[in-house]
Amino acid sequence: MQTINVDGLQVGPDAPPRIMGVLNLSAESPYDPSVYTDPAAAAAYVEEQLIGEGADIVDVGLESANKRFEVLDADAELDQLSVALEVIDRVETPVVWSIETRYHEVAEAALDGGFTMVNDICGFADPQMPIVCAEREAAVSKMASPPDLERPGALESVEALHAAIEREGLTPKTIVDPAFGGWSTGKTTAVDRETFRRLAEFTAYDRPLLVSINRKNFLREIAGRPTEDALPVSLAATALAVERGANIIRTHDVAETRDAALVAARLT
């Protein structure tokens, strides 16, 4: 697996595990502690709670992942992007900024405005996305998803995840995300558990590996915990993910996840 440079941050087997903190700018986002619609409050949250607790990357979401809401189109995301760019301007501490989007137009505007990484939750369903990222030499996380801009993470087998990652190829700075959770009744917690058991397979793409498992259903179900009590199961899974090759852990619980990842890396 190769190590890549993400705006000066080394990501891969030759670097420590990196922590991606989350900022949601949509009031409908399902995890309240990370939701900030005011740019000043959002910037303070990033400085104090994310960077202050050890985040290497801040992933900014422009819309809710809640299945009950309509998917925003590119124009609506571009409207939201202005708030994200204001947040960047207010944050003084250096950090890698990642924009979560499925549209190449949004990625292009974000990269032009100060973002240096893209988190494509639809896995190059927009075929212009890898072109935009490659032209700007930007890192892009490719989440395994159908070729459909409205159904991220809806694949229902590990084999389908592999096929999705291979579809449309990989840029030199692609980061692979095997997509835990998703918008599909067929994507069960059993599929997520099997994906996690086979996580090391995804290192074969010779690209860094990102996992987003924080308080996910497939972990909570094992211990019988609600979301608010699911930090311990997330930390246990974080340690196992790092042992199996994960290089970036996306999380809402930055400080605790950082510690679990560092222990796993040191003792693996």
Protein backbone atom coordinates (compact mmCIF):
# COMPACT_ATOMS: atom_id res chain seq x y z
CA MET A 1 0.00 0.00 0.00
CA GLN A 2 1.39 3.40 -0.94
CA THR A 3 1.58 6.48 1.28
CA ILE A 4 0.14 9.64 -0.27
CA ASN A 5 0.60 13.32 0.48
CA VAL A 6 -2.64 15.13 1.36
CA ASP A 7 -1.82 18.84 1.53
CA GLY A 8 1.39 18.09 3.42
CA LEU A 9 -0.14 15.32 5.58
CA GLN A 10 1.28 11.86 4.95
CA VAL A 11 -1.45 9.20 4.83
CA GLY A 12 -0.68 5.51 4.54
CA PRO A 13 1.40 2.71 6.04
CA ASP A 14 4.43 4.95 6.58
CA ALA A 15 2.44 7.37 8.74
CA PRO A 16 0.43 7.16 11.99
CA PRO A 17 -3.31 6.49 11.68
CA ARG A 18 -5.04 9.75 10.83
CA ILE A 19 -8.24 10.99 12.46
CA MET A 20 -10.97 12.63 10.40
CA GLY A 21 -13.31 14.74 12.50
CA VAL A 22 -16.77 15.67 11.25
CA LEU A 23 -18.50 19.01 10.87
CA ASN A 24 -22.10 18.97 9.63
CA LEU A 25 -23.59 22.18 8.28
CA SER A 26 -27.10 20.79 7.79
CA ALA A 27 -29.60 21.21 10.62
CA GLU A 28 -31.18 17.89 9.57
CA SER A 29 -27.98 15.88 10.17
CA PRO A 30 -28.65 12.91 12.46
CA TYR A 31 -25.80 13.41 14.97
CA ASP A 32 -26.47 16.63 16.90
CA PRO A 33 -23.06 17.16 18.56
CA SER A 34 -21.40 17.79 15.16
CA VAL A 35 -24.09 20.09 13.71
CA TYR A 36 -23.38 23.83 13.43
CA THR A 37 -25.20 26.15 11.05
CA ASP A 38 -23.56 29.40 12.24
CA PRO A 39 -20.06 29.92 10.74
CA ALA A 40 -18.60 31.45 13.92
CA ALA A 41 -19.87 28.62 16.13
CA ALA A 42 -18.75 26.05 13.56
CA ALA A 43 -15.24 27.52 13.46
CA ALA A 44 -15.00 27.45 17.25
CA TYR A 45 -16.13 23.81 17.26
CA VAL A 46 -13.47 22.91 14.70
CA GLU A 47 -10.70 24.71 16.62
CA GLU A 48 -11.63 23.46 20.09
CA GLN A 49 -13.37 20.11 19.67
CA LEU A 50 -11.90 18.71 16.47
CA ILE A 51 -8.39 20.07 15.95
CA GLY A 52 -7.98 20.61 19.68
CA GLU A 53 -8.66 16.92 20.35
CA GLY A 54 -6.36 15.64 17.63
CA ALA A 55 -8.15 15.66 14.27
CA ASP A 56 -5.79 15.67 11.29
CA ILE A 57 -8.62 16.14 8.77
CA VAL A 58 -11.96 17.94 9.06
CA ASP A 59 -14.69 16.53 6.83
CA VAL A 60 -17.45 19.04 6.13
CA GLY A 61 -20.91 17.74 5.24
CA LEU A 62 -23.27 20.07 3.40
CA GLU A 63 -26.40 17.93 3.67
CA SER A 64 -27.94 15.33 5.93
CA ALA A 65 -27.32 11.62 5.47
CA ASN A 66 -30.76 10.99 6.97
CA LYS A 67 -32.77 8.87 4.52
CA ARG A 68 -35.96 10.80 5.34
CA PHE A 69 -34.78 13.91 3.49
CA GLU A 70 -34.49 14.69 -0.20
CA VAL A 71 -31.01 14.61 -1.70
CA LEU A 72 -29.72 18.10 -2.48
CA ASP A 73 -28.79 18.79 -6.10
CA ALA A 74 -25.47 20.38 -7.07
CA ASP A 75 -26.86 23.94 -7.04
CA ALA A 76 -28.25 23.53 -3.51
CA GLU A 77 -24.92 22.14 -2.29
CA LEU A 78 -23.12 25.07 -3.91
CA ASP A 79 -25.34 27.43 -1.94
CA GLN A 80 -24.37 25.61 1.28
CA LEU A 81 -20.71 25.68 0.29
CA SER A 82 -20.50 29.42 0.93
CA VAL A 83 -21.01 28.74 4.64
CA ALA A 84 -18.26 26.09 4.61
CA LEU A 85 -15.83 28.51 2.96
CA GLU A 86 -16.59 31.10 5.63
CA VAL A 87 -15.79 28.51 8.31
CA ILE A 88 -12.42 27.81 6.67
CA ASP A 89 -11.63 31.53 6.68
CA ARG A 90 -12.33 31.74 10.42
CA VAL A 91 -10.20 28.74 11.47
CA GLU A 92 -6.57 29.71 12.10
CA THR A 93 -5.04 26.36 13.06
CA PRO A 94 -3.75 24.40 10.03
CA VAL A 95 -5.70 21.24 9.18
CA VAL A 96 -6.62 19.28 6.06
CA TRP A 97 -10.10 20.30 4.90
CA SER A 98 -12.25 17.65 3.20
CA ILE A 99 -15.54 18.37 1.46
CA GLU A 100 -18.20 15.64 1.45
CA THR A 101 -20.02 15.72 -1.86
CA ARG A 102 -21.13 13.58 -4.79
CA TYR A 103 -20.94 16.31 -7.44
CA HIS A 104 -17.85 17.36 -9.41
CA GLU A 105 -19.11 20.96 -9.60
CA VAL A 106 -19.15 21.19 -5.80
CA ALA A 107 -15.77 19.50 -5.50
CA GLU A 108 -14.29 21.89 -8.05
CA ALA A 109 -15.61 24.98 -6.26
CA ALA A 110 -14.53 23.65 -2.87
CA LEU A 111 -10.99 22.87 -4.04
CA ASP A 112 -10.76 26.31 -5.62
CA GLY A 113 -11.97 27.85 -2.33
CA GLY A 114 -9.49 26.25 0.08
CA PHE A 115 -10.46 22.60 0.52
CA THR A 116 -7.69 20.13 -0.32
CA MET A 117 -9.52 16.80 -0.16
CA VAL A 118 -12.84 15.42 -1.43
CA ASN A 119 -14.96 12.76 0.28
CA ASP A 120 -17.06 11.34 -2.56
CA ILE A 121 -19.86 9.40 -0.86
CA CYS A 122 -21.17 8.12 -4.21
CA GLY A 123 -17.90 6.63 -5.40
CA PHE A 124 -17.42 8.43 -8.73
CA ALA A 125 -21.07 8.00 -9.77
CA ASP A 126 -20.37 11.42 -11.27
CA PRO A 127 -17.67 10.36 -13.80
CA GLN A 128 -16.24 13.89 -13.86
CA MET A 129 -15.28 13.64 -10.18
CA PRO A 130 -12.00 11.72 -10.63
CA ILE A 131 -11.06 14.02 -13.50
CA VAL A 132 -11.53 17.16 -11.37
CA CYS A 133 -9.58 15.66 -8.47
CA ALA A 134 -6.74 14.33 -10.64
CA GLU A 135 -6.34 17.66 -12.46
CA ARG A 136 -5.94 19.44 -9.12
CA GLU A 137 -3.80 16.64 -7.62
CA ALA A 138 -6.32 16.47 -4.77
CA ALA A 139 -6.85 13.48 -2.53
CA VAL A 140 -10.29 11.94 -2.92
CA SER A 141 -11.94 9.33 -0.74
CA LYS A 142 -13.96 6.99 -2.94
CA MET A 143 -16.77 5.33 -1.02
CA ALA A 144 -17.98 2.09 -2.58
CA SER A 145 -21.48 2.85 -3.90
CA PRO A 146 -23.74 2.16 -6.89
CA PRO A 147 -23.40 4.36 -10.00
CA ASP A 148 -26.31 6.41 -8.67
CA LEU A 149 -26.06 9.91 -7.22
CA GLU A 150 -28.91 9.27 -4.77
CA ARG A 151 -27.92 5.94 -3.15
CA PRO A 152 -24.54 6.06 -1.40
CA GLY A 153 -23.42 2.95 0.46
CA ALA A 154 -26.33 0.82 -0.80
CA LEU A 155 -24.35 -2.22 -1.94
CA GLU A 156 -25.35 -5.53 -0.45
CA SER A 157 -22.24 -7.76 -0.57
CA VAL A 158 -18.48 -7.49 -0.17
CA GLU A 159 -18.06 -8.51 -3.81
CA ALA A 160 -20.30 -5.61 -4.88
CA LEU A 161 -18.16 -3.24 -2.80
CA HIS A 162 -15.04 -4.38 -4.63
CA ALA A 163 -16.75 -3.96 -8.01
CA ALA A 164 -17.82 -0.43 -7.08
CA ILE A 165 -14.31 0.57 -6.04
CA GLU A 166 -12.95 -0.71 -9.35
CA ARG A 167 -15.63 1.08 -11.40
CA GLU A 168 -14.31 4.35 -12.94
CA GLY A 169 -10.82 3.48 -11.67
CA LEU A 170 -8.67 5.22 -9.06
CA THR A 171 -6.76 8.49 -9.20
CA PRO A 172 -3.15 8.61 -7.93
CA LYS A 173 -4.48 10.09 -4.67
CA THR A 174 -7.61 8.01 -4.18
CA ILE A 175 -8.38 6.79 -0.65
CA VAL A 176 -10.56 3.66 -0.52
CA ASP A 177 -13.68 3.59 1.70
CA PRO A 178 -15.56 0.25 1.82
CA ALA A 179 -18.79 1.97 2.92
CA PHE A 180 -20.24 0.89 6.25
CA GLY A 181 -23.95 1.63 6.59
CA GLY A 182 -25.93 2.97 3.66
CA TRP A 183 -29.25 3.95 2.14
CA SER A 184 -30.74 0.57 1.34
CA THR A 185 -32.95 -1.94 3.12
CA GLY A 186 -30.84 -4.67 1.55
CA LYS A 187 -27.64 -3.34 3.12
CA THR A 188 -27.93 -5.14 6.44
CA THR A 189 -25.80 -5.11 9.56
CA ALA A 190 -24.74 -8.64 8.60
CA VAL A 191 -23.22 -7.23 5.39
CA ASP A 192 -21.34 -4.62 7.43
CA ARG A 193 -20.01 -7.27 9.81
CA GLU A 194 -18.80 -9.40 6.91
CA THR A 195 -17.16 -6.33 5.34
CA PHE A 196 -15.38 -5.60 8.60
CA ARG A 197 -14.20 -9.21 8.94
CA ARG A 198 -12.73 -8.93 5.41
CA LEU A 199 -11.46 -5.37 5.81
CA ALA A 200 -7.83 -6.27 5.06
CA GLU A 201 -8.88 -7.23 1.50
CA PHE A 202 -9.33 -3.54 0.70
CA THR A 203 -5.64 -2.81 1.23
CA ALA A 204 -4.95 -4.69 -2.02
CA TYR A 205 -5.81 -1.57 -4.06
CA ASP A 206 -2.44 -0.04 -3.12
CA ARG A 207 -4.21 3.03 -1.75
CA PRO A 208 -4.81 4.26 1.82
CA LEU A 209 -7.92 2.89 3.52
CA LEU A 210 -10.58 4.99 5.27
CA VAL A 211 -13.25 3.55 7.56
CA SER A 212 -16.31 5.32 8.93
CA ILE A 213 -17.63 3.08 11.72
CA ASN A 214 -18.32 5.52 14.55
CA ARG A 215 -21.39 4.35 16.53
CA LYS A 216 -22.71 2.46 13.49
CA ASN A 217 -25.66 0.08 13.77
CA PHE A 218 -23.66 -3.07 13.10
CA LEU A 219 -21.55 -2.35 16.19
CA ARG A 220 -24.37 -1.14 18.45
CA GLU A 221 -26.36 -4.25 17.62
CA ILE A 222 -23.61 -6.52 18.93
CA ALA A 223 -23.60 -4.90 22.36
CA GLY A 224 -27.27 -3.87 22.42
CA ARG A 225 -26.41 -0.18 22.91
CA PRO A 226 -28.21 2.99 21.77
CA THR A 227 -26.19 5.58 19.88
CA GLU A 228 -25.42 7.68 22.98
CA ASP A 229 -23.86 4.66 24.74
CA ALA A 230 -21.98 3.26 21.75
CA LEU A 231 -18.56 4.88 22.18
CA PRO A 232 -16.92 1.75 23.70
CA VAL A 233 -17.95 -0.49 20.79
CA SER A 234 -16.68 2.14 18.34
CA LEU A 235 -13.29 2.23 20.06
CA ALA A 236 -12.99 -1.56 20.05
CA ALA A 237 -13.75 -1.59 16.32
CA THR A 238 -11.30 1.27 15.71
CA ALA A 239 -8.43 -0.74 17.18
CA LEU A 240 -9.35 -3.76 15.05
CA ALA A 241 -9.70 -1.61 11.92
CA VAL A 242 -6.23 -0.14 12.35
CA GLU A 243 -4.82 -3.62 12.90
CA ARG A 244 -6.46 -4.67 9.61
CA GLY A 245 -4.93 -1.81 7.66
CA ALA A 246 -7.11 1.30 8.10
CA ASN A 247 -5.15 4.54 7.70
CA ILE A 248 -7.94 7.09 8.33
CA ILE A 249 -10.70 6.75 10.91
CA ARG A 250 -13.69 9.06 10.39
CA THR A 251 -15.32 9.85 13.73
CA HIS A 252 -17.41 12.20 15.83
CA ASP A 253 -15.42 11.19 18.95
CA VAL A 254 -12.00 12.56 18.09
CA ALA A 255 -9.96 12.34 21.30
CA GLU A 256 -11.03 8.83 22.25
CA THR A 257 -10.73 7.48 18.71
CA ARG A 258 -7.27 8.97 18.32
CA ASP A 259 -6.06 7.17 21.45
CA ALA A 260 -7.52 3.82 20.37
CA ALA A 261 -5.99 4.16 16.90
CA LEU A 262 -2.54 5.07 18.23
CA VAL A 263 -2.50 2.15 20.66
CA ALA A 264 -3.52 -0.24 17.91
CA ALA A 265 -0.85 1.11 15.54
CA ARG A 266 1.90 0.86 18.15
CA LEU A 267 1.00 -2.68 19.24
CA THR A 268 0.15 -4.18 15.84
